[in-house]
């Protein structure tokens, strides 16, 4: 069973930065890909960034140039560095892992950006 634990959320002013972490049980080498999603109140969950096991990353348009997804295989951790945060980035952020055609979710971490 894959377990994912996010951390790093919080309250930040617009223009600030946060780094989210997602620690996985077991080696992330075994995952096909890992991703960060977010869900704002009253909105659908959307994928923010995704990184494959080969290191290929993609981002939703609204965060390109501001967010960076990365992995530390030694720590079995995936990160989301978020810079130049905007109030519209406020949401619960979820870590997601893809393994053998199955998906696994973390419990989420709240990010609130004040204007």
PDB file of N, CA and C in Angstrom:
ATOM      1  N   UNK A   1       0.840  -1.186   0.000  1.00  0.00           N
ATOM      2  CA  UNK A   1       0.000   0.000   0.000  1.00  0.00           C
ATOM      3  C   UNK A   1       0.885   1.249   0.000  1.00  0.00           C
ATOM      4  N   UNK A   2       0.594   2.151  -0.910  1.00  0.00           N
ATOM      5  CA  UNK A   2       1.355   3.384  -1.013  1.00  0.00           C
ATOM      6  C   UNK A   2       0.755   4.424  -0.082  1.00  0.00           C
ATOM      7  N   UNK A   3       1.607   5.058   0.706  1.00  0.00           N
ATOM      8  CA  UNK A   3       1.154   6.160   1.562  1.00  0.00           C
ATOM      9  C   UNK A   3       1.938   7.414   1.209  1.00  0.00           C
ATOM     10  N   UNK A   4       1.216   8.518   1.135  1.00  0.00           N
ATOM     11  CA  UNK A   4       1.806   9.806   0.788  1.00  0.00           C
ATOM     12  C   UNK A   4       1.466  10.810   1.878  1.00  0.00           C
ATOM     13  N   UNK A   5       2.446  11.572   2.299  1.00  0.00           N
ATOM     14  CA  UNK A   5       2.233  12.541   3.371  1.00  0.00           C
ATOM     15  C   UNK A   5       2.765  13.896   2.937  1.00  0.00           C
ATOM     16  N   UNK A   6       1.836  14.855   2.745  1.00  0.00           N
ATOM     17  CA  UNK A   6       2.233  16.206   2.350  1.00  0.00           C
ATOM     18  C   UNK A   6       2.554  17.065   3.556  1.00  0.00           C
ATOM     19  N   UNK A   7       3.372  18.056   3.330  1.00  0.00           N
ATOM     20  CA  UNK A   7       3.677  19.057   4.350  1.00  0.00           C
ATOM     21  C   UNK A   7       4.129  20.331   3.656  1.00  0.00           C
ATOM     22  N   UNK A   8       4.174  21.419   4.414  1.00  0.00           N
ATOM     23  CA  UNK A   8       4.700  22.664   3.866  1.00  0.00           C
ATOM     24  C   UNK A   8       3.673  23.726   3.536  1.00  0.00           C
ATOM     25  N   UNK A   9       2.408  23.390   3.661  1.00  0.00           N
ATOM     26  CA  UNK A   9       1.388  24.389   3.388  1.00  0.00           C
ATOM     27  C   UNK A   9       1.348  25.459   4.472  1.00  0.00           C
ATOM     28  N   UNK A  10       0.566  26.503   4.227  1.00  0.00           N
ATOM     29  CA  UNK A  10       0.442  27.562   5.203  1.00  0.00           C
ATOM     30  C   UNK A  10      -0.132  28.819   4.607  1.00  0.00           C
ATOM     31  N   UNK A  11       0.003  29.894   5.349  1.00  0.00           N
ATOM     32  CA  UNK A  11      -0.503  31.203   4.937  1.00  0.00           C
ATOM     33  C   UNK A  11       0.675  32.066   4.491  1.00  0.00           C
ATOM     34  N   UNK A  12       0.544  32.672   3.321  1.00  0.00           N
ATOM     35  CA  UNK A  12       1.620  33.505   2.780  1.00  0.00           C
ATOM     36  C   UNK A  12       1.001  34.693   2.066  1.00  0.00           C
ATOM     37  N   UNK A  13       1.710  35.796   2.037  1.00  0.00           N
ATOM     38  CA  UNK A  13       1.226  36.959   1.320  1.00  0.00           C
ATOM     39  C   UNK A  13       1.473  36.800  -0.173  1.00  0.00           C
ATOM     40  N   UNK A  14       0.667  37.485  -0.950  1.00  0.00           N
ATOM     41  CA  UNK A  14       0.853  37.481  -2.401  1.00  0.00           C
ATOM     42  C   UNK A  14       2.277  37.908  -2.739  1.00  0.00           C
ATOM     43  N   UNK A  15       2.858  37.198  -3.686  1.00  0.00           N
ATOM     44  CA  UNK A  15       4.237  37.456  -4.067  1.00  0.00           C
ATOM     45  C   UNK A  15       5.247  36.602  -3.327  1.00  0.00           C
ATOM     46  N   UNK A  16       4.798  35.922  -2.292  1.00  0.00           N
ATOM     47  CA  UNK A  16       5.683  35.088  -1.493  1.00  0.00           C
ATOM     48  C   UNK A  16       5.881  33.704  -2.082  1.00  0.00           C
ATOM     49  N   UNK A  17       6.595  32.867  -1.321  1.00  0.00           N
ATOM     50  CA  UNK A  17       6.934  31.524  -1.775  1.00  0.00           C
ATOM     51  C   UNK A  17       6.629  30.491  -0.703  1.00  0.00           C
ATOM     52  N   UNK A  18       6.366  29.291  -1.141  1.00  0.00           N
ATOM     53  CA  UNK A  18       6.229  28.127  -0.274  1.00  0.00           C
ATOM     54  C   UNK A  18       6.805  26.930  -1.004  1.00  0.00           C
ATOM     55  N   UNK A  19       7.280  25.966  -0.224  1.00  0.00           N
ATOM     56  CA  UNK A  19       7.695  24.702  -0.813  1.00  0.00           C
ATOM     57  C   UNK A  19       6.912  23.577  -0.150  1.00  0.00           C
ATOM     58  N   UNK A  20       6.173  22.855  -0.955  1.00  0.00           N
ATOM     59  CA  UNK A  20       5.437  21.701  -0.477  1.00  0.00           C
ATOM     60  C   UNK A  20       6.293  20.449  -0.639  1.00  0.00           C
ATOM     61  N   UNK A  21       6.147  19.547   0.312  1.00  0.00           N
ATOM     62  CA  UNK A  21       6.849  18.274   0.263  1.00  0.00           C
ATOM     63  C   UNK A  21       5.844  17.137   0.339  1.00  0.00           C
ATOM     64  N   UNK A  22       6.169  16.047  -0.306  1.00  0.00           N
ATOM     65  CA  UNK A  22       5.337  14.847  -0.255  1.00  0.00           C
ATOM     66  C   UNK A  22       6.266  13.655  -0.058  1.00  0.00           C
ATOM     67  N   UNK A  23       6.204  13.080   1.119  1.00  0.00           N
ATOM     68  CA  UNK A  23       7.030  11.925   1.433  1.00  0.00           C
ATOM     69  C   UNK A  23       6.248  10.655   1.143  1.00  0.00           C
ATOM     70  N   UNK A  24       6.858   9.775   0.383  1.00  0.00           N
ATOM     71  CA  UNK A  24       6.193   8.531  -0.012  1.00  0.00           C
ATOM     72  C   UNK A  24       6.757   7.347   0.759  1.00  0.00           C
ATOM     73  N   UNK A  25       5.878   6.382   1.032  1.00  0.00           N
ATOM     74  CA  UNK A  25       6.345   5.125   1.626  1.00  0.00           C
ATOM     75  C   UNK A  25       6.930   4.288   0.508  1.00  0.00           C
ATOM     76  N   UNK A  26       8.138   3.853   0.643  1.00  0.00           N
ATOM     77  CA  UNK A  26       8.780   3.086  -0.412  1.00  0.00           C
ATOM     78  C   UNK A  26       9.474   3.976  -1.417  1.00  0.00           C
ATOM     79  N   UNK A  27      10.177   3.357  -2.321  1.00  0.00           N
ATOM     80  CA  UNK A  27      10.978   4.087  -3.294  1.00  0.00           C
ATOM     81  C   UNK A  27      10.114   4.713  -4.378  1.00  0.00           C
ATOM     82  N   UNK A  28      10.348   6.001  -4.638  1.00  0.00           N
ATOM     83  CA  UNK A  28       9.572   6.650  -5.696  1.00  0.00           C
ATOM     84  C   UNK A  28      10.073   6.225  -7.072  1.00  0.00           C
ATOM     85  N   UNK A  29      11.180   5.509  -7.107  1.00  0.00           N
ATOM     86  CA  UNK A  29      11.617   4.932  -8.379  1.00  0.00           C
ATOM     87  C   UNK A  29      10.577   3.976  -8.942  1.00  0.00           C
ATOM     88  N   UNK A  30       9.786   3.387  -8.046  1.00  0.00           N
ATOM     89  CA  UNK A  30       8.786   2.414  -8.486  1.00  0.00           C
ATOM     90  C   UNK A  30       7.537   3.068  -9.047  1.00  0.00           C
ATOM     91  N   UNK A  31       7.442   4.382  -8.923  1.00  0.00           N
ATOM     92  CA  UNK A  31       6.257   5.066  -9.426  1.00  0.00           C
ATOM     93  C   UNK A  31       6.449   5.458 -10.886  1.00  0.00           C
ATOM     94  N   UNK A  32       5.403   5.374 -11.663  1.00  0.00           N
ATOM     95  CA  UNK A  32       5.471   5.811 -13.053  1.00  0.00           C
ATOM     96  C   UNK A  32       5.590   7.325 -13.142  1.00  0.00           C
ATOM     97  N   UNK A  33       4.885   7.994 -12.237  1.00  0.00           N
ATOM     98  CA  UNK A  33       4.903   9.452 -12.208  1.00  0.00           C
ATOM     99  C   UNK A  33       4.360   9.914 -10.868  1.00  0.00           C
ATOM    100  N   UNK A  34       4.677  11.163 -10.544  1.00  0.00           N
ATOM    101  CA  UNK A  34       4.096  11.788  -9.364  1.00  0.00           C
ATOM    102  C   UNK A  34       3.604  13.168  -9.763  1.00  0.00           C
ATOM    103  N   UNK A  35       2.604  13.633  -9.040  1.00  0.00           N
ATOM    104  CA  UNK A  35       1.990  14.893  -9.436  1.00  0.00           C
ATOM    105  C   UNK A  35       1.471  15.642  -8.219  1.00  0.00           C
ATOM    106  N   UNK A  36       1.226  16.915  -8.441  1.00  0.00           N
ATOM    107  CA  UNK A  36       0.537  17.758  -7.474  1.00  0.00           C
ATOM    108  C   UNK A  36      -0.769  18.246  -8.107  1.00  0.00           C
ATOM    109  N   UNK A  37      -1.839  18.102  -7.350  1.00  0.00           N
ATOM    110  CA  UNK A  37      -3.141  18.620  -7.724  1.00  0.00           C
ATOM    111  C   UNK A  37      -3.549  19.663  -6.690  1.00  0.00           C
ATOM    112  N   UNK A  38      -4.547  20.456  -7.045  1.00  0.00           N
ATOM    113  CA  UNK A  38      -5.110  21.386  -6.070  1.00  0.00           C
ATOM    114  C   UNK A  38      -6.616  21.500  -6.287  1.00  0.00           C
ATOM    115  N   UNK A  39      -7.275  21.847  -5.205  1.00  0.00           N
ATOM    116  CA  UNK A  39      -8.721  22.032  -5.266  1.00  0.00           C
ATOM    117  C   UNK A  39      -9.096  23.229  -4.412  1.00  0.00           C
ATOM    118  N   UNK A  40      -9.641  24.240  -5.077  1.00  0.00           N
ATOM    119  CA  UNK A  40     -10.120  25.435  -4.400  1.00  0.00           C
ATOM    120  C   UNK A  40     -11.590  25.239  -4.052  1.00  0.00           C
ATOM    121  N   UNK A  41     -12.104  25.971  -3.062  1.00  0.00           N
ATOM    122  CA  UNK A  41     -13.511  25.830  -2.683  1.00  0.00           C
ATOM    123  C   UNK A  41     -14.445  26.058  -3.872  1.00  0.00           C
ATOM    124  N   UNK A  42     -15.361  25.140  -4.071  1.00  0.00           N
ATOM    125  CA  UNK A  42     -16.332  25.265  -5.140  1.00  0.00           C
ATOM    126  C   UNK A  42     -15.808  24.959  -6.521  1.00  0.00           C
ATOM    127  N   UNK A  43     -14.561  24.504  -6.617  1.00  0.00           N
ATOM    128  CA  UNK A  43     -13.976  24.210  -7.927  1.00  0.00           C
ATOM    129  C   UNK A  43     -13.549  22.755  -8.005  1.00  0.00           C
ATOM    130  N   UNK A  44     -13.373  22.300  -9.236  1.00  0.00           N
ATOM    131  CA  UNK A  44     -12.906  20.935  -9.443  1.00  0.00           C
ATOM    132  C   UNK A  44     -11.405  20.831  -9.141  1.00  0.00           C
ATOM    133  N   UNK A  45     -11.013  19.645  -8.776  1.00  0.00           N
ATOM    134  CA  UNK A  45      -9.594  19.400  -8.555  1.00  0.00           C
ATOM    135  C   UNK A  45      -8.875  19.465  -9.897  1.00  0.00           C
ATOM    136  N   UNK A  46      -7.744  20.146  -9.922  1.00  0.00           N
ATOM    137  CA  UNK A  46      -6.984  20.277 -11.155  1.00  0.00           C
ATOM    138  C   UNK A  46      -5.532  19.864 -10.916  1.00  0.00           C
ATOM    139  N   UNK A  47      -4.940  19.320 -11.971  1.00  0.00           N
ATOM    140  CA  UNK A  47      -3.538  18.950 -11.874  1.00  0.00           C
ATOM    141  C   UNK A  47      -2.686  20.192 -12.087  1.00  0.00           C
ATOM    142  N   UNK A  48      -1.756  20.404 -11.176  1.00  0.00           N
ATOM    143  CA  UNK A  48      -0.884  21.564 -11.221  1.00  0.00           C
ATOM    144  C   UNK A  48       0.425  21.223 -11.923  1.00  0.00           C
ATOM    145  N   UNK A  49       1.028  20.111 -11.550  1.00  0.00           N
ATOM    146  CA  UNK A  49       2.317  19.722 -12.103  1.00  0.00           C
ATOM    147  C   UNK A  49       2.458  18.212 -12.006  1.00  0.00           C
ATOM    148  N   UNK A  50       3.222  17.670 -12.928  1.00  0.00           N
ATOM    149  CA  UNK A  50       3.446  16.231 -12.962  1.00  0.00           C
ATOM    150  C   UNK A  50       4.872  15.974 -13.414  1.00  0.00           C
ATOM    151  N   UNK A  51       5.494  14.955 -12.823  1.00  0.00           N
ATOM    152  CA  UNK A  51       6.849  14.584 -13.223  1.00  0.00           C
ATOM    153  C   UNK A  51       6.904  13.071 -13.378  1.00  0.00           C
ATOM    154  N   UNK A  52       7.462  12.618 -14.479  1.00  0.00           N
ATOM    155  CA  UNK A  52       7.552  11.193 -14.740  1.00  0.00           C
ATOM    156  C   UNK A  52       8.811  10.608 -14.106  1.00  0.00           C
ATOM    157  N   UNK A  53       8.896   9.297 -14.130  1.00  0.00           N
ATOM    158  CA  UNK A  53      10.065   8.631 -13.560  1.00  0.00           C
ATOM    159  C   UNK A  53      11.341   8.963 -14.334  1.00  0.00           C
ATOM    160  N   UNK A  54      11.187   9.411 -15.576  1.00  0.00           N
ATOM    161  CA  UNK A  54      12.353   9.804 -16.377  1.00  0.00           C
ATOM    162  C   UNK A  54      12.720  11.262 -16.168  1.00  0.00           C
ATOM    163  N   UNK A  55      11.913  11.982 -15.362  1.00  0.00           N
ATOM    164  CA  UNK A  55      12.236  13.368 -15.049  1.00  0.00           C
ATOM    165  C   UNK A  55      11.551  14.401 -15.911  1.00  0.00           C
ATOM    166  N   UNK A  56      10.669  13.966 -16.790  1.00  0.00           N
ATOM    167  CA  UNK A  56       9.943  14.899 -17.641  1.00  0.00           C
ATOM    168  C   UNK A  56       8.811  15.535 -16.838  1.00  0.00           C
ATOM    169  N   UNK A  57       8.742  16.863 -16.881  1.00  0.00           N
ATOM    170  CA  UNK A  57       7.751  17.587 -16.088  1.00  0.00           C
ATOM    171  C   UNK A  57       6.832  18.408 -16.978  1.00  0.00           C
ATOM    172  N   UNK A  58       5.600  18.557 -16.523  1.00  0.00           N
ATOM    173  CA  UNK A  58       4.683  19.458 -17.205  1.00  0.00           C
ATOM    174  C   UNK A  58       3.842  20.188 -16.169  1.00  0.00           C
ATOM    175  N   UNK A  59       3.326  21.340 -16.583  1.00  0.00           N
ATOM    176  CA  UNK A  59       2.615  22.234 -15.668  1.00  0.00           C
ATOM    177  C   UNK A  59       1.343  22.757 -16.310  1.00  0.00           C
ATOM    178  N   UNK A  60       0.362  23.053 -15.485  1.00  0.00           N
ATOM    179  CA  UNK A  60      -0.794  23.755 -15.998  1.00  0.00           C
ATOM    180  C   UNK A  60      -0.382  25.192 -16.321  1.00  0.00           C
ATOM    181  N   UNK A  61      -1.032  25.788 -17.301  1.00  0.00           N
ATOM    182  CA  UNK A  61      -0.593  27.090 -17.809  1.00  0.00           C
ATOM    183  C   UNK A  61      -0.511  28.163 -16.731  1.00  0.00           C
ATOM    184  N   UNK A  62      -1.423  28.134 -15.781  1.00  0.00           N
ATOM    185  CA  UNK A  62      -1.488  29.218 -14.793  1.00  0.00           C
ATOM    186  C   UNK A  62      -0.299  29.253 -13.838  1.00  0.00           C
ATOM    187  N   UNK A  63       0.489  28.179 -13.791  1.00  0.00           N
ATOM    188  CA  UNK A  63       1.619  28.151 -12.865  1.00  0.00           C
ATOM    189  C   UNK A  63       2.964  28.082 -13.584  1.00  0.00           C
ATOM    190  N   UNK A  64       2.949  27.996 -14.882  1.00  0.00           N
ATOM    191  CA  UNK A  64       4.214  27.913 -15.620  1.00  0.00           C
ATOM    192  C   UNK A  64       5.078  29.129 -15.342  1.00  0.00           C
ATOM    193  N   UNK A  65       6.348  28.866 -15.075  1.00  0.00           N
ATOM    194  CA  UNK A  65       7.278  29.938 -14.757  1.00  0.00           C
ATOM    195  C   UNK A  65       7.279  30.335 -13.296  1.00  0.00           C
ATOM    196  N   UNK A  66       6.319  29.840 -12.526  1.00  0.00           N
ATOM    197  CA  UNK A  66       6.254  30.181 -11.098  1.00  0.00           C
ATOM    198  C   UNK A  66       6.465  28.959 -10.204  1.00  0.00           C
ATOM    199  N   UNK A  67       5.979  27.811 -10.632  1.00  0.00           N
ATOM    200  CA  UNK A  67       6.066  26.574  -9.836  1.00  0.00           C
ATOM    201  C   UNK A  67       7.070  25.618 -10.474  1.00  0.00           C
ATOM    202  N   UNK A  68       7.734  24.851  -9.614  1.00  0.00           N
ATOM    203  CA  UNK A  68       8.665  23.838 -10.093  1.00  0.00           C
ATOM    204  C   UNK A  68       8.466  22.544  -9.304  1.00  0.00           C
ATOM    205  N   UNK A  69       8.267  21.455 -10.017  1.00  0.00           N
ATOM    206  CA  UNK A  69       8.158  20.138  -9.382  1.00  0.00           C
ATOM    207  C   UNK A  69       9.506  19.437  -9.488  1.00  0.00           C
ATOM    208  N   UNK A  70       9.889  18.745  -8.418  1.00  0.00           N
ATOM    209  CA  UNK A  70      11.169  18.043  -8.426  1.00  0.00           C
ATOM    210  C   UNK A  70      11.082  16.857  -7.484  1.00  0.00           C
ATOM    211  N   UNK A  71      12.053  15.969  -7.594  1.00  0.00           N
ATOM    212  CA  UNK A  71      12.086  14.797  -6.733  1.00  0.00           C
ATOM    213  C   UNK A  71      13.454  14.646  -6.091  1.00  0.00           C
ATOM    214  N   UNK A  72      13.457  14.035  -4.930  1.00  0.00           N
ATOM    215  CA  UNK A  72      14.680  13.608  -4.264  1.00  0.00           C
ATOM    216  C   UNK A  72      14.531  12.120  -4.028  1.00  0.00           C
ATOM    217  N   UNK A  73      15.118  11.340  -4.922  1.00  0.00           N
ATOM    218  CA  UNK A  73      14.920   9.897  -4.854  1.00  0.00           C
ATOM    219  C   UNK A  73      15.495   9.289  -3.575  1.00  0.00           C
ATOM    220  N   UNK A  74      16.552   9.869  -3.071  1.00  0.00           N
ATOM    221  CA  UNK A  74      17.156   9.343  -1.851  1.00  0.00           C
ATOM    222  C   UNK A  74      16.220   9.495  -0.660  1.00  0.00           C
ATOM    223  N   UNK A  75      15.385  10.527  -0.697  1.00  0.00           N
ATOM    224  CA  UNK A  75      14.452  10.784   0.397  1.00  0.00           C
ATOM    225  C   UNK A  75      13.033  10.335   0.071  1.00  0.00           C
ATOM    226  N   UNK A  76      12.853   9.745  -1.115  1.00  0.00           N
ATOM    227  CA  UNK A  76      11.508   9.321  -1.541  1.00  0.00           C
ATOM    228  C   UNK A  76      10.504  10.456  -1.405  1.00  0.00           C
ATOM    229  N   UNK A  77      10.903  11.620  -1.865  1.00  0.00           N
ATOM    230  CA  UNK A  77      10.105  12.816  -1.676  1.00  0.00           C
ATOM    231  C   UNK A  77       9.975  13.582  -2.988  1.00  0.00           C
ATOM    232  N   UNK A  78       8.788  14.122  -3.206  1.00  0.00           N
ATOM    233  CA  UNK A  78       8.553  15.014  -4.330  1.00  0.00           C
ATOM    234  C   UNK A  78       8.214  16.389  -3.769  1.00  0.00           C
ATOM    235  N   UNK A  79       8.703  17.420  -4.434  1.00  0.00           N
ATOM    236  CA  UNK A  79       8.520  18.786  -3.962  1.00  0.00           C
ATOM    237  C   UNK A  79       7.743  19.613  -4.982  1.00  0.00           C
ATOM    238  N   UNK A  80       7.114  20.653  -4.484  1.00  0.00           N
ATOM    239  CA  UNK A  80       6.539  21.667  -5.354  1.00  0.00           C
ATOM    240  C   UNK A  80       6.985  23.018  -4.814  1.00  0.00           C
ATOM    241  N   UNK A  81       7.923  23.631  -5.521  1.00  0.00           N
ATOM    242  CA  UNK A  81       8.376  24.970  -5.166  1.00  0.00           C
ATOM    243  C   UNK A  81       7.438  25.964  -5.826  1.00  0.00           C
ATOM    244  N   UNK A  82       6.831  26.804  -5.020  1.00  0.00           N
ATOM    245  CA  UNK A  82       5.851  27.754  -5.512  1.00  0.00           C
ATOM    246  C   UNK A  82       6.347  29.171  -5.231  1.00  0.00           C
ATOM    247  N   UNK A  83       6.589  29.907  -6.292  1.00  0.00           N
ATOM    248  CA  UNK A  83       7.064  31.284  -6.181  1.00  0.00           C
ATOM    249  C   UNK A  83       6.030  32.249  -6.738  1.00  0.00           C
ATOM    250  N   UNK A  84       6.192  33.513  -6.379  1.00  0.00           N
ATOM    251  CA  UNK A  84       5.288  34.567  -6.859  1.00  0.00           C
ATOM    252  C   UNK A  84       3.834  34.139  -6.700  1.00  0.00           C
ATOM    253  N   UNK A  85       3.505  33.712  -5.509  1.00  0.00           N
ATOM    254  CA  UNK A  85       2.156  33.194  -5.256  1.00  0.00           C
ATOM    255  C   UNK A  85       1.107  34.281  -5.401  1.00  0.00           C
ATOM    256  N   UNK A  86      -0.058  33.857  -5.870  1.00  0.00           N
ATOM    257  CA  UNK A  86      -1.182  34.756  -6.093  1.00  0.00           C
ATOM    258  C   UNK A  86      -2.374  34.280  -5.259  1.00  0.00           C
ATOM    259  N   UNK A  87      -3.299  35.169  -4.937  1.00  0.00           N
ATOM    260  CA  UNK A  87      -4.492  34.746  -4.178  1.00  0.00           C
ATOM    261  C   UNK A  87      -5.237  33.599  -4.853  1.00  0.00           C
ATOM    262  N   UNK A  88      -5.225  33.565  -6.172  1.00  0.00           N
ATOM    263  CA  UNK A  88      -5.926  32.492  -6.885  1.00  0.00           C
ATOM    264  C   UNK A  88      -5.222  31.139  -6.768  1.00  0.00           C
ATOM    265  N   UNK A  89      -4.050  31.111  -6.162  1.00  0.00           N
ATOM    266  CA  UNK A  89      -3.378  29.832  -5.887  1.00  0.00           C
ATOM    267  C   UNK A  89      -3.889  29.189  -4.601  1.00  0.00           C
ATOM    268  N   UNK A  90      -4.730  29.902  -3.874  1.00  0.00           N
ATOM    269  CA  UNK A  90      -5.288  29.371  -2.634  1.00  0.00           C
ATOM    270  C   UNK A  90      -6.095  28.105  -2.911  1.00  0.00           C
ATOM    271  N   UNK A  91      -5.748  27.036  -2.217  1.00  0.00           N
ATOM    272  CA  UNK A  91      -6.403  25.747  -2.430  1.00  0.00           C
ATOM    273  C   UNK A  91      -5.818  24.725  -1.469  1.00  0.00           C
ATOM    274  N   UNK A  92      -6.444  23.566  -1.434  1.00  0.00           N
ATOM    275  CA  UNK A  92      -5.825  22.409  -0.795  1.00  0.00           C
ATOM    276  C   UNK A  92      -5.004  21.702  -1.876  1.00  0.00           C
ATOM    277  N   UNK A  93      -3.765  21.459  -1.580  1.00  0.00           N
ATOM    278  CA  UNK A  93      -2.849  20.827  -2.529  1.00  0.00           C
ATOM    279  C   UNK A  93      -2.662  19.359  -2.140  1.00  0.00           C
ATOM    280  N   UNK A  94      -2.792  18.502  -3.150  1.00  0.00           N
ATOM    281  CA  UNK A  94      -2.703  17.066  -2.940  1.00  0.00           C
ATOM    282  C   UNK A  94      -1.549  16.473  -3.745  1.00  0.00           C
ATOM    283  N   UNK A  95      -0.869  15.560  -3.129  1.00  0.00           N
ATOM    284  CA  UNK A  95       0.143  14.768  -3.802  1.00  0.00           C
ATOM    285  C   UNK A  95      -0.516  13.533  -4.400  1.00  0.00           C
ATOM    286  N   UNK A  96      -0.040  13.120  -5.558  1.00  0.00           N
ATOM    287  CA  UNK A  96      -0.630  11.984  -6.264  1.00  0.00           C
ATOM    288  C   UNK A  96       0.491  11.150  -6.867  1.00  0.00           C
ATOM    289  N   UNK A  97       0.375   9.834  -6.723  1.00  0.00           N
ATOM    290  CA  UNK A  97       1.374   8.926  -7.281  1.00  0.00           C
ATOM    291  C   UNK A  97       0.710   7.917  -8.210  1.00  0.00           C
ATOM    292  N   UNK A  98       1.335   7.682  -9.330  1.00  0.00           N
ATOM    293  CA  UNK A  98       0.851   6.707 -10.304  1.00  0.00           C
ATOM    294  C   UNK A  98       1.778   5.498 -10.270  1.00  0.00           C
ATOM    295  N   UNK A  99       1.181   4.336 -10.076  1.00  0.00           N
ATOM    296  CA  UNK A  99       1.977   3.119 -10.016  1.00  0.00           C
ATOM    297  C   UNK A  99       1.170   1.970 -10.573  1.00  0.00           C
ATOM    298  N   UNK A 100       1.689   1.375 -11.627  1.00  0.00           N
ATOM    299  CA  UNK A 100       1.032   0.201 -12.206  1.00  0.00           C
ATOM    300  C   UNK A 100      -0.456   0.455 -12.481  1.00  0.00           C
ATOM    301  N   UNK A 101      -0.741   1.566 -13.145  1.00  0.00           N
ATOM    302  CA  UNK A 101      -2.081   1.940 -13.557  1.00  0.00           C
ATOM    303  C   UNK A 101      -3.025   2.221 -12.397  1.00  0.00           C
ATOM    304  N   UNK A 102      -2.471   2.376 -11.203  1.00  0.00           N
ATOM    305  CA  UNK A 102      -3.263   2.768 -10.049  1.00  0.00           C
ATOM    306  C   UNK A 102      -2.814   4.134  -9.557  1.00  0.00           C
ATOM    307  N   UNK A 103      -3.716   4.847  -8.917  1.00  0.00           N
ATOM    308  CA  UNK A 103      -3.383   6.163  -8.396  1.00  0.00           C
ATOM    309  C   UNK A 103      -3.570   6.217  -6.895  1.00  0.00           C
ATOM    310  N   UNK A 104      -2.708   6.982  -6.238  1.00  0.00           N
ATOM    311  CA  UNK A 104      -2.738   7.097  -4.793  1.00  0.00           C
ATOM    312  C   UNK A 104      -2.685   8.577  -4.411  1.00  0.00           C
ATOM    313  N   UNK A 105      -3.487   8.940  -3.403  1.00  0.00           N
ATOM    314  CA  UNK A 105      -3.587  10.328  -2.969  1.00  0.00           C
ATOM    315  C   UNK A 105      -3.053  10.521  -1.572  1.00  0.00           C
ATOM    316  N   UNK A 106      -2.477  11.694  -1.355  1.00  0.00           N
ATOM    317  CA  UNK A 106      -2.171  12.113  -0.012  1.00  0.00           C
ATOM    318  C   UNK A 106      -3.395  12.770   0.605  1.00  0.00           C
ATOM    319  N   UNK A 107      -3.252  13.233   1.852  1.00  0.00           N
ATOM    320  CA  UNK A 107      -4.393  13.786   2.561  1.00  0.00           C
ATOM    321  C   UNK A 107      -4.613  15.262   2.274  1.00  0.00           C
ATOM    322  N   UNK A 108      -3.629  15.905   1.673  1.00  0.00           N
ATOM    323  CA  UNK A 108      -3.759  17.307   1.304  1.00  0.00           C
ATOM    324  C   UNK A 108      -3.161  18.249   2.317  1.00  0.00           C
ATOM    325  N   UNK A 109      -2.741  19.409   1.824  1.00  0.00           N
ATOM    326  CA  UNK A 109      -2.219  20.457   2.684  1.00  0.00           C
ATOM    327  C   UNK A 109      -2.755  21.797   2.190  1.00  0.00           C
ATOM    328  N   UNK A 110      -3.203  22.634   3.114  1.00  0.00           N
ATOM    329  CA  UNK A 110      -3.846  23.902   2.752  1.00  0.00           C
ATOM    330  C   UNK A 110      -2.791  24.961   2.446  1.00  0.00           C
ATOM    331  N   UNK A 111      -2.997  25.640   1.337  1.00  0.00           N
ATOM    332  CA  UNK A 111      -2.189  26.806   0.978  1.00  0.00           C
ATOM    333  C   UNK A 111      -3.134  27.992   0.854  1.00  0.00           C
ATOM    334  N   UNK A 112      -2.867  29.048   1.600  1.00  0.00           N
ATOM    335  CA  UNK A 112      -3.689  30.242   1.556  1.00  0.00           C
ATOM    336  C   UNK A 112      -2.801  31.442   1.237  1.00  0.00           C
ATOM    337  N   UNK A 113      -3.159  32.155   0.184  1.00  0.00           N
ATOM    338  CA  UNK A 113      -2.387  33.322  -0.245  1.00  0.00           C
ATOM    339  C   UNK A 113      -3.245  34.557  -0.029  1.00  0.00           C
ATOM    340  N   UNK A 114      -2.776  35.446   0.816  1.00  0.00           N
ATOM    341  CA  UNK A 114      -3.534  36.662   1.107  1.00  0.00           C
ATOM    342  C   UNK A 114      -3.097  37.797   0.184  1.00  0.00           C
ATOM    343  N   UNK A 115      -4.051  38.663  -0.129  1.00  0.00           N
ATOM    344  CA  UNK A 115      -3.766  39.774  -1.055  1.00  0.00           C
ATOM    345  C   UNK A 115      -3.288  40.994  -0.303  1.00  0.00           C
TER     346      UNK A 115
END
